[in-house]
Amino acid sequence: MTAALPLVCDLSPSNALLRVSGDDAADFLHNQFTNDVKALAVGAAQWNGWCTPKGRLLVTFALARDADGFLLVLPAAFAEAIAKRLRMFVLRSKVKVDDVSSSMPRFGLWSGAIPAGAFRLGEARAFVFAPAPEGRTATLDDWALSLVRDGIVQVVPGTQEEFVPQMANYELVGGVSFKKGCYPGQEIVARTQYRGILKKRAVRVRSAAPLAPGDSVYSDAFGDQSAGTVANVAPSPDGGFEALVVAQLEAIAKGDLRLGSLAGPALALQPLPYTF
C-alpha cells in the first residue's frame, strides 16, 4: 500500500529564514539556544528557543542543519530583531548571520510520507528549503492548526518574554536539553525543572468565540486575576477555534477556563499528544 503524500504548506508569507554559518556556528548557537545544537545532525531539524537572562522565551523556532551551517525558521515579525541580537553576541567568533528569506523557499510538511532530503523534525513533520515537494497543498491555517494539535507553542509578538520554556511544554516536545552547557536563562530553566516550582502549563482548548495571542483567560480559582494567556490560535474545520493557552495548573485542574473575564466564553479543554 502506497503511503499518503504529505500535506505541504508554503511558510514564506509568515515565516522568515535566517542562515547562521561559519567555523564557529555550532558552538555559538549551542551556547545561546535551549537545545543541544552540536548534537543536531546534518539533514535534521529540532525545535529550539532563545531566552532572556531571566529564562523567558524571546523566540521559538525550528532549527535545521545543512552542509553550510544552520537555518532558523521563525516568525517574520521577529527576523530583523533576532538577527541583530544574534550578531551582537558574535564578537570574535567566526560566525555570519544572514537573512536569506528572499532567496530560499521554505515549506512545512506533515501528515504523510516525508520525502528523502527533507529536514525531518520528529516522526511526522519536516521542512524543505527548495522548490515545493510533491504533496497535498495546505494553507497557513492548516499548518497553524497542526501545531496547536501537536501542542507546539510558538512565541509570537503578543507573547514575547511571557513564558519560561516549561510553561510552553517545550521540554515535552524536544525543544530543551538539560544535559548541555550554559545558555542565557539556563539556570532559571534548570531550577524550574528540578525544584518543582512550575505553576503554569500549555493546554489545548476549543473556543466558539474569536481569540488572539496575548488574550487573558480566567478561572474561578483566581477570581478577577488572570489565570493564563492565549499563546496560539487556529481556525477549526469544525467551526470556532482551537488554541494553546498557558494557564495556571490549578485553573487547568478546575477545568473552567474562560476568555477575557469570569463571565467570558468558555474554553473547553482538548487532549494533547503528550502528558505533563
C-alpha atoms as a PDB file:
ATOM      1  CA  MET A   1       0.000   0.000   0.000  1.00  0.00           C
ATOM      2  CA  THR A   2       1.436   3.392  -1.030  1.00  0.00           C
ATOM      3  CA  ALA A   3       1.864   5.893   1.796  1.00  0.00           C
ATOM      4  CA  ALA A   4      -0.172   9.082   1.512  1.00  0.00           C
ATOM      5  CA  LEU A   5       1.531  12.173   0.205  1.00  0.00           C
ATOM      6  CA  PRO A   6       2.236  14.717   2.951  1.00  0.00           C
ATOM      7  CA  LEU A   7       0.443  17.974   3.441  1.00  0.00           C
ATOM      8  CA  VAL A   8       2.696  20.767   2.149  1.00  0.00           C
ATOM      9  CA  CYS A   9       2.438  24.400   3.269  1.00  0.00           C
ATOM     10  CA  ASP A  10       4.357  27.346   1.855  1.00  0.00           C
ATOM     11  CA  LEU A  11       5.629  29.091   5.002  1.00  0.00           C
ATOM     12  CA  SER A  12       7.152  32.066   3.185  1.00  0.00           C
ATOM     13  CA  PRO A  13       4.264  34.514   3.814  1.00  0.00           C
ATOM     14  CA  SER A  14       4.539  34.188   7.588  1.00  0.00           C
ATOM     15  CA  ASN A  15       7.984  32.816   8.392  1.00  0.00           C
ATOM     16  CA  ALA A  16      11.439  34.212   7.723  1.00  0.00           C
ATOM     17  CA  LEU A  17      14.639  32.232   7.260  1.00  0.00           C
ATOM     18  CA  LEU A  18      17.948  33.119   8.899  1.00  0.00           C
ATOM     19  CA  ARG A  19      21.194  31.358   7.991  1.00  0.00           C
ATOM     20  CA  VAL A  20      23.952  31.094  10.593  1.00  0.00           C
ATOM     21  CA  SER A  21      27.243  29.890   9.126  1.00  0.00           C
ATOM     22  CA  GLY A  22      30.969  29.907   9.788  1.00  0.00           C
ATOM     23  CA  ASP A  23      33.546  27.728  11.542  1.00  0.00           C
ATOM     24  CA  ASP A  24      32.185  28.559  14.993  1.00  0.00           C
ATOM     25  CA  ALA A  25      28.453  28.455  14.152  1.00  0.00           C
ATOM     26  CA  ALA A  26      27.660  25.220  16.005  1.00  0.00           C
ATOM     27  CA  ASP A  27      29.453  26.264  19.197  1.00  0.00           C
ATOM     28  CA  PHE A  28      27.995  29.757  19.036  1.00  0.00           C
ATOM     29  CA  LEU A  29      24.380  28.626  18.684  1.00  0.00           C
ATOM     30  CA  HIS A  30      24.852  25.828  21.225  1.00  0.00           C
ATOM     31  CA  ASN A  31      25.790  28.476  23.794  1.00  0.00           C
ATOM     32  CA  GLN A  32      22.721  30.593  23.003  1.00  0.00           C
ATOM     33  CA  PHE A  33      19.777  28.252  22.477  1.00  0.00           C
ATOM     34  CA  THR A  34      17.814  25.852  24.698  1.00  0.00           C
ATOM     35  CA  ASN A  35      18.526  22.698  22.715  1.00  0.00           C
ATOM     36  CA  ASP A  36      21.650  20.648  22.002  1.00  0.00           C
ATOM     37  CA  VAL A  37      22.700  22.295  18.746  1.00  0.00           C
ATOM     38  CA  LYS A  38      26.002  20.426  18.480  1.00  0.00           C
ATOM     39  CA  ALA A  39      24.134  17.106  18.531  1.00  0.00           C
ATOM     40  CA  LEU A  40      21.903  18.108  15.604  1.00  0.00           C
ATOM     41  CA  ALA A  41      22.833  16.026  12.559  1.00  0.00           C
ATOM     42  CA  VAL A  42      23.173  17.405   9.054  1.00  0.00           C
ATOM     43  CA  GLY A  43      19.830  16.890   7.336  1.00  0.00           C
ATOM     44  CA  ALA A  44      17.807  17.047  10.561  1.00  0.00           C
ATOM     45  CA  ALA A  45      15.828  19.710  12.428  1.00  0.00           C
ATOM     46  CA  GLN A  46      14.826  20.390  16.033  1.00  0.00           C
ATOM     47  CA  TRP A  47      12.615  22.777  17.990  1.00  0.00           C
ATOM     48  CA  ASN A  48      14.567  25.422  19.819  1.00  0.00           C
ATOM     49  CA  GLY A  49      14.145  28.520  21.944  1.00  0.00           C
ATOM     50  CA  TRP A  50      16.191  31.587  22.813  1.00  0.00           C
ATOM     51  CA  CYS A  51      15.696  33.012  26.276  1.00  0.00           C
ATOM     52  CA  THR A  52      16.385  36.232  28.113  1.00  0.00           C
ATOM     53  CA  PRO A  53      18.758  36.034  31.098  1.00  0.00           C
ATOM     54  CA  LYS A  54      15.587  35.655  33.212  1.00  0.00           C
ATOM     55  CA  GLY A  55      14.668  32.472  31.339  1.00  0.00           C
ATOM     56  CA  ARG A  56      11.778  33.954  29.358  1.00  0.00           C
ATOM     57  CA  LEU A  57      11.382  32.959  25.723  1.00  0.00           C
ATOM     58  CA  LEU A  58      12.260  35.693  23.247  1.00  0.00           C
ATOM     59  CA  VAL A  59      11.510  33.435  20.304  1.00  0.00           C
ATOM     60  CA  THR A  60      10.822  29.805  19.445  1.00  0.00           C
ATOM     61  CA  PHE A  61      11.750  28.336  16.084  1.00  0.00           C
ATOM     62  CA  ALA A  62      12.730  25.295  14.068  1.00  0.00           C
ATOM     63  CA  LEU A  63      16.482  24.901  13.588  1.00  0.00           C
ATOM     64  CA  ALA A  64      17.725  22.826  10.651  1.00  0.00           C
ATOM     65  CA  ARG A  65      21.308  21.879   9.826  1.00  0.00           C
ATOM     66  CA  ASP A  66      22.746  21.507   6.344  1.00  0.00           C
ATOM     67  CA  ALA A  67      26.260  21.226   4.953  1.00  0.00           C
ATOM     68  CA  ASP A  68      26.664  25.016   5.031  1.00  0.00           C
ATOM     69  CA  GLY A  69      25.510  25.679   8.585  1.00  0.00           C
ATOM     70  CA  PHE A  70      22.150  26.270  10.230  1.00  0.00           C
ATOM     71  CA  LEU A  71      18.746  27.601   9.171  1.00  0.00           C
ATOM     72  CA  LEU A  72      16.268  29.197  11.594  1.00  0.00           C
ATOM     73  CA  VAL A  73      12.590  29.142  10.595  1.00  0.00           C
ATOM     74  CA  LEU A  74      10.945  31.831  12.716  1.00  0.00           C
ATOM     75  CA  PRO A  75       8.054  34.322  12.564  1.00  0.00           C
ATOM     76  CA  ALA A  76       8.805  37.038  10.025  1.00  0.00           C
ATOM     77  CA  ALA A  77       7.925  39.709  12.602  1.00  0.00           C
ATOM     78  CA  PHE A  78      10.991  38.679  14.642  1.00  0.00           C
ATOM     79  CA  ALA A  79      13.540  38.198  11.873  1.00  0.00           C
ATOM     80  CA  GLU A  80      15.246  41.593  11.880  1.00  0.00           C
ATOM     81  CA  ALA A  81      15.420  41.922  15.672  1.00  0.00           C
ATOM     82  CA  ILE A  82      16.624  38.352  16.232  1.00  0.00           C
ATOM     83  CA  ALA A  83      19.277  38.622  13.517  1.00  0.00           C
ATOM     84  CA  LYS A  84      20.517  41.886  15.032  1.00  0.00           C
ATOM     85  CA  ARG A  85      20.587  40.418  18.545  1.00  0.00           C
ATOM     86  CA  LEU A  86      22.472  37.316  17.399  1.00  0.00           C
ATOM     87  CA  ARG A  87      25.097  39.485  15.700  1.00  0.00           C
ATOM     88  CA  MET A  88      25.600  41.386  18.966  1.00  0.00           C
ATOM     89  CA  PHE A  89      26.873  38.197  20.611  1.00  0.00           C
ATOM     90  CA  VAL A  90      29.143  37.030  17.774  1.00  0.00           C
ATOM     91  CA  LEU A  91      32.116  39.142  18.960  1.00  0.00           C
ATOM     92  CA  ARG A  92      35.297  37.425  17.681  1.00  0.00           C
ATOM     93  CA  SER A  93      33.635  34.149  16.726  1.00  0.00           C
ATOM     94  CA  LYS A  94      33.789  33.058  13.099  1.00  0.00           C
ATOM     95  CA  VAL A  95      30.048  33.339  12.573  1.00  0.00           C
ATOM     96  CA  LYS A  96      27.828  35.031   9.999  1.00  0.00           C
ATOM     97  CA  VAL A  97      24.112  35.716  10.435  1.00  0.00           C
ATOM     98  CA  ASP A  98      22.206  36.393   7.207  1.00  0.00           C
ATOM     99  CA  ASP A  99      18.538  36.816   6.413  1.00  0.00           C
ATOM    100  CA  VAL A 100      18.044  34.554   3.384  1.00  0.00           C
ATOM    101  CA  SER A 101      14.257  34.831   3.298  1.00  0.00           C
ATOM    102  CA  SER A 102      14.213  36.391  -0.164  1.00  0.00           C
ATOM    103  CA  SER A 103      16.473  33.777  -1.750  1.00  0.00           C
ATOM    104  CA  MET A 104      15.362  30.470  -0.175  1.00  0.00           C
ATOM    105  CA  PRO A 105      11.870  28.928  -0.186  1.00  0.00           C
ATOM    106  CA  ARG A 106      10.579  27.160   2.916  1.00  0.00           C
ATOM    107  CA  PHE A 107       7.853  24.555   3.154  1.00  0.00           C
ATOM    108  CA  GLY A 108       6.409  22.711   6.127  1.00  0.00           C
ATOM    109  CA  LEU A 109       5.412  19.061   5.639  1.00  0.00           C
ATOM    110  CA  TRP A 110       3.315  16.776   7.862  1.00  0.00           C
ATOM    111  CA  SER A 111       0.656  14.075   7.921  1.00  0.00           C
ATOM    112  CA  GLY A 112       2.062  11.799   5.247  1.00  0.00           C
ATOM    113  CA  ALA A 113       5.194  10.161   3.914  1.00  0.00           C
ATOM    114  CA  ILE A 114       8.154  12.521   4.373  1.00  0.00           C
ATOM    115  CA  PRO A 115      10.287  12.550   1.200  1.00  0.00           C
ATOM    116  CA  ALA A 116      14.002  11.889   1.158  1.00  0.00           C
ATOM    117  CA  GLY A 117      16.054  15.042   1.531  1.00  0.00           C
ATOM    118  CA  ALA A 118      13.593  16.814   3.812  1.00  0.00           C
ATOM    119  CA  PHE A 119      14.808  18.085   7.174  1.00  0.00           C
ATOM    120  CA  ARG A 120      12.876  15.782   9.463  1.00  0.00           C
ATOM    121  CA  LEU A 121      11.654  17.068  12.828  1.00  0.00           C
ATOM    122  CA  GLY A 122      10.315  14.073  14.704  1.00  0.00           C
ATOM    123  CA  GLU A 123       8.441  11.256  13.028  1.00  0.00           C
ATOM    124  CA  ALA A 124       5.725  13.159  11.183  1.00  0.00           C
ATOM    125  CA  ARG A 125       6.944  16.707  10.463  1.00  0.00           C
ATOM    126  CA  ALA A 126       9.679  18.139   8.253  1.00  0.00           C
ATOM    127  CA  PHE A 127      10.930  21.202   6.393  1.00  0.00           C
ATOM    128  CA  VAL A 128      12.080  21.654   2.815  1.00  0.00           C
ATOM    129  CA  PHE A 129      14.188  24.622   1.688  1.00  0.00           C
ATOM    130  CA  ALA A 130      13.828  24.047  -2.041  1.00  0.00           C
ATOM    131  CA  PRO A 131      11.033  24.121  -4.633  1.00  0.00           C
ATOM    132  CA  ALA A 132       7.793  22.656  -3.338  1.00  0.00           C
ATOM    133  CA  PRO A 133       7.884  18.860  -2.994  1.00  0.00           C
ATOM    134  CA  GLU A 134       5.072  16.651  -4.216  1.00  0.00           C
ATOM    135  CA  GLY A 135       2.192  16.666  -1.776  1.00  0.00           C
ATOM    136  CA  ARG A 136      -1.273  17.835  -0.844  1.00  0.00           C
ATOM    137  CA  THR A 137      -1.423  21.641  -0.776  1.00  0.00           C
ATOM    138  CA  ALA A 138      -2.193  23.056   2.664  1.00  0.00           C
ATOM    139  CA  THR A 139      -2.745  26.586   3.975  1.00  0.00           C
ATOM    140  CA  LEU A 140      -1.041  28.532   6.751  1.00  0.00           C
ATOM    141  CA  ASP A 141      -4.174  27.971   8.849  1.00  0.00           C
ATOM    142  CA  ASP A 142      -3.767  24.217   8.321  1.00  0.00           C
ATOM    143  CA  TRP A 143      -0.137  24.450   9.448  1.00  0.00           C
ATOM    144  CA  ALA A 144      -1.082  26.515  12.497  1.00  0.00           C
ATOM    145  CA  LEU A 145      -3.807  24.025  13.438  1.00  0.00           C
ATOM    146  CA  SER A 146      -1.377  21.119  13.160  1.00  0.00           C
ATOM    147  CA  LEU A 147       0.992  22.861  15.588  1.00  0.00           C
ATOM    148  CA  VAL A 148      -1.844  23.576  18.021  1.00  0.00           C
ATOM    149  CA  ARG A 149      -3.000  19.958  17.918  1.00  0.00           C
ATOM    150  CA  ASP A 150       0.567  18.742  18.448  1.00  0.00           C
ATOM    151  CA  GLY A 151       0.891  21.079  21.427  1.00  0.00           C
ATOM    152  CA  ILE A 152       3.800  23.060  19.984  1.00  0.00           C
ATOM    153  CA  VAL A 153       3.698  26.598  21.335  1.00  0.00           C
ATOM    154  CA  GLN A 154       5.109  29.275  19.043  1.00  0.00           C
ATOM    155  CA  VAL A 155       6.097  32.599  20.605  1.00  0.00           C
ATOM    156  CA  VAL A 156       4.523  35.468  18.638  1.00  0.00           C
ATOM    157  CA  PRO A 157       4.682  39.270  19.086  1.00  0.00           C
ATOM    158  CA  GLY A 158       1.852  39.208  21.648  1.00  0.00           C
ATOM    159  CA  THR A 159       3.593  36.660  23.893  1.00  0.00           C
ATOM    160  CA  GLN A 160       7.285  37.533  23.733  1.00  0.00           C
ATOM    161  CA  GLU A 161       9.018  37.143  27.134  1.00  0.00           C
ATOM    162  CA  GLU A 162       5.819  35.714  28.689  1.00  0.00           C
ATOM    163  CA  PHE A 163       6.868  32.086  29.199  1.00  0.00           C
ATOM    164  CA  VAL A 164       9.762  30.045  30.506  1.00  0.00           C
ATOM    165  CA  PRO A 165      10.234  27.015  28.216  1.00  0.00           C
ATOM    166  CA  GLN A 166       8.426  24.578  30.508  1.00  0.00           C
ATOM    167  CA  MET A 167       5.327  26.783  30.645  1.00  0.00           C
ATOM    168  CA  ALA A 168       5.193  26.272  26.878  1.00  0.00           C
ATOM    169  CA  ASN A 169       5.755  22.488  27.349  1.00  0.00           C
ATOM    170  CA  TYR A 170       8.923  22.934  25.336  1.00  0.00           C
ATOM    171  CA  GLU A 171      10.848  20.187  27.081  1.00  0.00           C
ATOM    172  CA  LEU A 172       7.970  17.822  26.256  1.00  0.00           C
ATOM    173  CA  VAL A 173       8.233  18.443  22.501  1.00  0.00           C
ATOM    174  CA  GLY A 174      12.019  18.041  22.384  1.00  0.00           C
ATOM    175  CA  GLY A 175      12.901  21.729  22.473  1.00  0.00           C
ATOM    176  CA  VAL A 176      15.084  21.777  25.614  1.00  0.00           C
ATOM    177  CA  SER A 177      18.204  19.857  26.579  1.00  0.00           C
ATOM    178  CA  PHE A 178      19.089  19.585  30.257  1.00  0.00           C
ATOM    179  CA  LYS A 179      22.451  17.919  29.542  1.00  0.00           C
ATOM    180  CA  LYS A 180      24.111  20.717  27.562  1.00  0.00           C
ATOM    181  CA  GLY A 181      26.110  23.601  28.966  1.00  0.00           C
ATOM    182  CA  CYS A 182      25.056  27.105  29.861  1.00  0.00           C
ATOM    183  CA  TYR A 183      22.961  29.451  27.736  1.00  0.00           C
ATOM    184  CA  PRO A 184      21.043  32.644  28.593  1.00  0.00           C
ATOM    185  CA  GLY A 185      18.458  31.824  31.255  1.00  0.00           C
ATOM    186  CA  GLN A 186      19.721  28.252  31.721  1.00  0.00           C
ATOM    187  CA  GLU A 187      19.947  28.496  35.498  1.00  0.00           C
ATOM    188  CA  ILE A 188      16.304  29.534  35.798  1.00  0.00           C
ATOM    189  CA  VAL A 189      15.160  26.897  33.295  1.00  0.00           C
ATOM    190  CA  ALA A 190      17.046  24.199  35.246  1.00  0.00           C
ATOM    191  CA  ARG A 191      15.708  25.428  38.585  1.00  0.00           C
ATOM    192  CA  THR A 192      12.168  25.344  37.213  1.00  0.00           C
ATOM    193  CA  GLN A 193      12.708  21.767  36.070  1.00  0.00           C
ATOM    194  CA  TYR A 194      14.282  20.300  39.178  1.00  0.00           C
ATOM    195  CA  ARG A 195      12.804  22.252  42.080  1.00  0.00           C
ATOM    196  CA  GLY A 196       9.143  21.705  41.238  1.00  0.00           C
ATOM    197  CA  ILE A 197       8.288  25.406  41.074  1.00  0.00           C
ATOM    198  CA  LEU A 198       6.432  25.340  37.749  1.00  0.00           C
ATOM    199  CA  LYS A 199       2.925  26.753  38.167  1.00  0.00           C
ATOM    200  CA  LYS A 200       1.768  27.032  34.534  1.00  0.00           C
ATOM    201  CA  ARG A 201       1.490  24.702  31.560  1.00  0.00           C
ATOM    202  CA  ALA A 202       0.203  24.912  27.993  1.00  0.00           C
ATOM    203  CA  VAL A 203      -3.123  23.242  27.255  1.00  0.00           C
ATOM    204  CA  ARG A 204      -5.190  22.907  24.115  1.00  0.00           C
ATOM    205  CA  VAL A 205      -8.679  24.396  24.142  1.00  0.00           C
ATOM    206  CA  ARG A 206     -11.633  24.855  21.839  1.00  0.00           C
ATOM    207  CA  SER A 207     -13.440  28.188  21.676  1.00  0.00           C
ATOM    208  CA  ALA A 208     -16.638  29.179  19.898  1.00  0.00           C
ATOM    209  CA  ALA A 209     -15.605  32.843  20.234  1.00  0.00           C
ATOM    210  CA  PRO A 210     -12.678  34.511  18.441  1.00  0.00           C
ATOM    211  CA  LEU A 211      -9.497  34.835  20.477  1.00  0.00           C
ATOM    212  CA  ALA A 212      -5.962  36.068  19.872  1.00  0.00           C
ATOM    213  CA  PRO A 213      -2.447  35.530  21.229  1.00  0.00           C
ATOM    214  CA  GLY A 214      -1.939  37.616  24.346  1.00  0.00           C
ATOM    215  CA  ASP A 215      -5.592  37.498  25.428  1.00  0.00           C
ATOM    216  CA  SER A 216      -6.083  36.735  29.116  1.00  0.00           C
ATOM    217  CA  VAL A 217      -8.063  33.777  30.421  1.00  0.00           C
ATOM    218  CA  TYR A 218      -9.770  33.456  33.792  1.00  0.00           C
ATOM    219  CA  SER A 219     -10.860  30.811  36.276  1.00  0.00           C
ATOM    220  CA  ASP A 220     -12.881  30.803  39.489  1.00  0.00           C
ATOM    221  CA  ALA A 221      -9.715  29.578  41.192  1.00  0.00           C
ATOM    222  CA  PHE A 222      -8.126  33.018  40.626  1.00  0.00           C
ATOM    223  CA  GLY A 223     -11.140  35.334  40.660  1.00  0.00           C
ATOM    224  CA  ASP A 224     -10.552  38.597  38.825  1.00  0.00           C
ATOM    225  CA  GLN A 225      -6.843  37.857  38.478  1.00  0.00           C
ATOM    226  CA  SER A 226      -5.763  36.462  35.108  1.00  0.00           C
ATOM    227  CA  ALA A 227      -5.190  32.715  35.204  1.00  0.00           C
ATOM    228  CA  GLY A 228      -3.326  32.492  31.917  1.00  0.00           C
ATOM    229  CA  THR A 229      -2.587  33.737  28.422  1.00  0.00           C
ATOM    230  CA  VAL A 230      -3.618  32.647  24.936  1.00  0.00           C
ATOM    231  CA  ALA A 231      -0.471  31.577  23.070  1.00  0.00           C
ATOM    232  CA  ASN A 232      -1.547  30.401  19.593  1.00  0.00           C
ATOM    233  CA  VAL A 233      -4.829  30.221  17.695  1.00  0.00           C
ATOM    234  CA  ALA A 234      -6.056  28.472  14.552  1.00  0.00           C
ATOM    235  CA  PRO A 235      -9.496  28.198  12.942  1.00  0.00           C
ATOM    236  CA  SER A 236     -11.086  24.788  13.394  1.00  0.00           C
ATOM    237  CA  PRO A 237     -12.526  22.994  10.338  1.00  0.00           C
ATOM    238  CA  ASP A 238     -15.466  22.085  12.593  1.00  0.00           C
ATOM    239  CA  GLY A 239     -16.199  25.732  13.348  1.00  0.00           C
ATOM    240  CA  GLY A 240     -14.859  28.022  16.027  1.00  0.00           C
ATOM    241  CA  PHE A 241     -11.212  27.992  17.009  1.00  0.00           C
ATOM    242  CA  GLU A 242      -8.597  25.795  18.607  1.00  0.00           C
ATOM    243  CA  ALA A 243      -5.840  27.341  20.697  1.00  0.00           C
ATOM    244  CA  LEU A 244      -2.947  26.727  23.032  1.00  0.00           C
ATOM    245  CA  VAL A 245      -3.321  28.521  26.346  1.00  0.00           C
ATOM    246  CA  VAL A 246      -0.618  28.803  29.009  1.00  0.00           C
ATOM    247  CA  ALA A 247      -2.567  28.654  32.255  1.00  0.00           C
ATOM    248  CA  GLN A 248      -2.171  28.095  35.958  1.00  0.00           C
ATOM    249  CA  LEU A 249      -2.104  24.396  36.839  1.00  0.00           C
ATOM    250  CA  GLU A 250      -4.797  24.954  39.464  1.00  0.00           C
ATOM    251  CA  ALA A 251      -7.079  26.513  36.845  1.00  0.00           C
ATOM    252  CA  ILE A 252      -6.360  23.671  34.414  1.00  0.00           C
ATOM    253  CA  ALA A 253      -7.289  21.144  37.087  1.00  0.00           C
ATOM    254  CA  LYS A 254     -10.520  23.026  37.771  1.00  0.00           C
ATOM    255  CA  GLY A 255     -11.363  22.926  34.052  1.00  0.00           C
ATOM    256  CA  ASP A 256     -13.276  26.214  33.978  1.00  0.00           C
ATOM    257  CA  LEU A 257     -11.121  28.466  31.783  1.00  0.00           C
ATOM    258  CA  ARG A 258     -12.947  31.450  30.306  1.00  0.00           C
ATOM    259  CA  LEU A 259     -11.862  34.065  27.810  1.00  0.00           C
ATOM    260  CA  GLY A 260     -11.486  37.704  28.850  1.00  0.00           C
ATOM    261  CA  SER A 261     -13.273  37.548  32.200  1.00  0.00           C
ATOM    262  CA  LEU A 262     -15.043  35.171  34.567  1.00  0.00           C
ATOM    263  CA  ALA A 263     -18.208  35.838  32.569  1.00  0.00           C
ATOM    264  CA  GLY A 264     -16.490  35.317  29.214  1.00  0.00           C
ATOM    265  CA  PRO A 265     -16.908  32.475  26.721  1.00  0.00           C
ATOM    266  CA  ALA A 266     -15.950  29.015  27.990  1.00  0.00           C
ATOM    267  CA  LEU A 267     -12.755  27.368  26.738  1.00  0.00           C
ATOM    268  CA  ALA A 268     -13.181  23.600  26.536  1.00  0.00           C
ATOM    269  CA  LEU A 269     -10.052  21.566  27.281  1.00  0.00           C
ATOM    270  CA  GLN A 270      -8.929  19.232  24.482  1.00  0.00           C
ATOM    271  CA  PRO A 271      -6.412  16.355  24.531  1.00  0.00           C
ATOM    272  CA  LEU A 272      -2.720  16.766  23.686  1.00  0.00           C
ATOM    273  CA  PRO A 273      -0.438  14.041  22.272  1.00  0.00           C
ATOM    274  CA  TYR A 274       1.677  14.108  25.451  1.00  0.00           C
ATOM    275  CA  THR A 275       1.114  14.361  29.201  1.00  0.00           C
ATOM    276  CA  PHE A 276       2.578  16.515  31.959  1.00  0.00           C
END
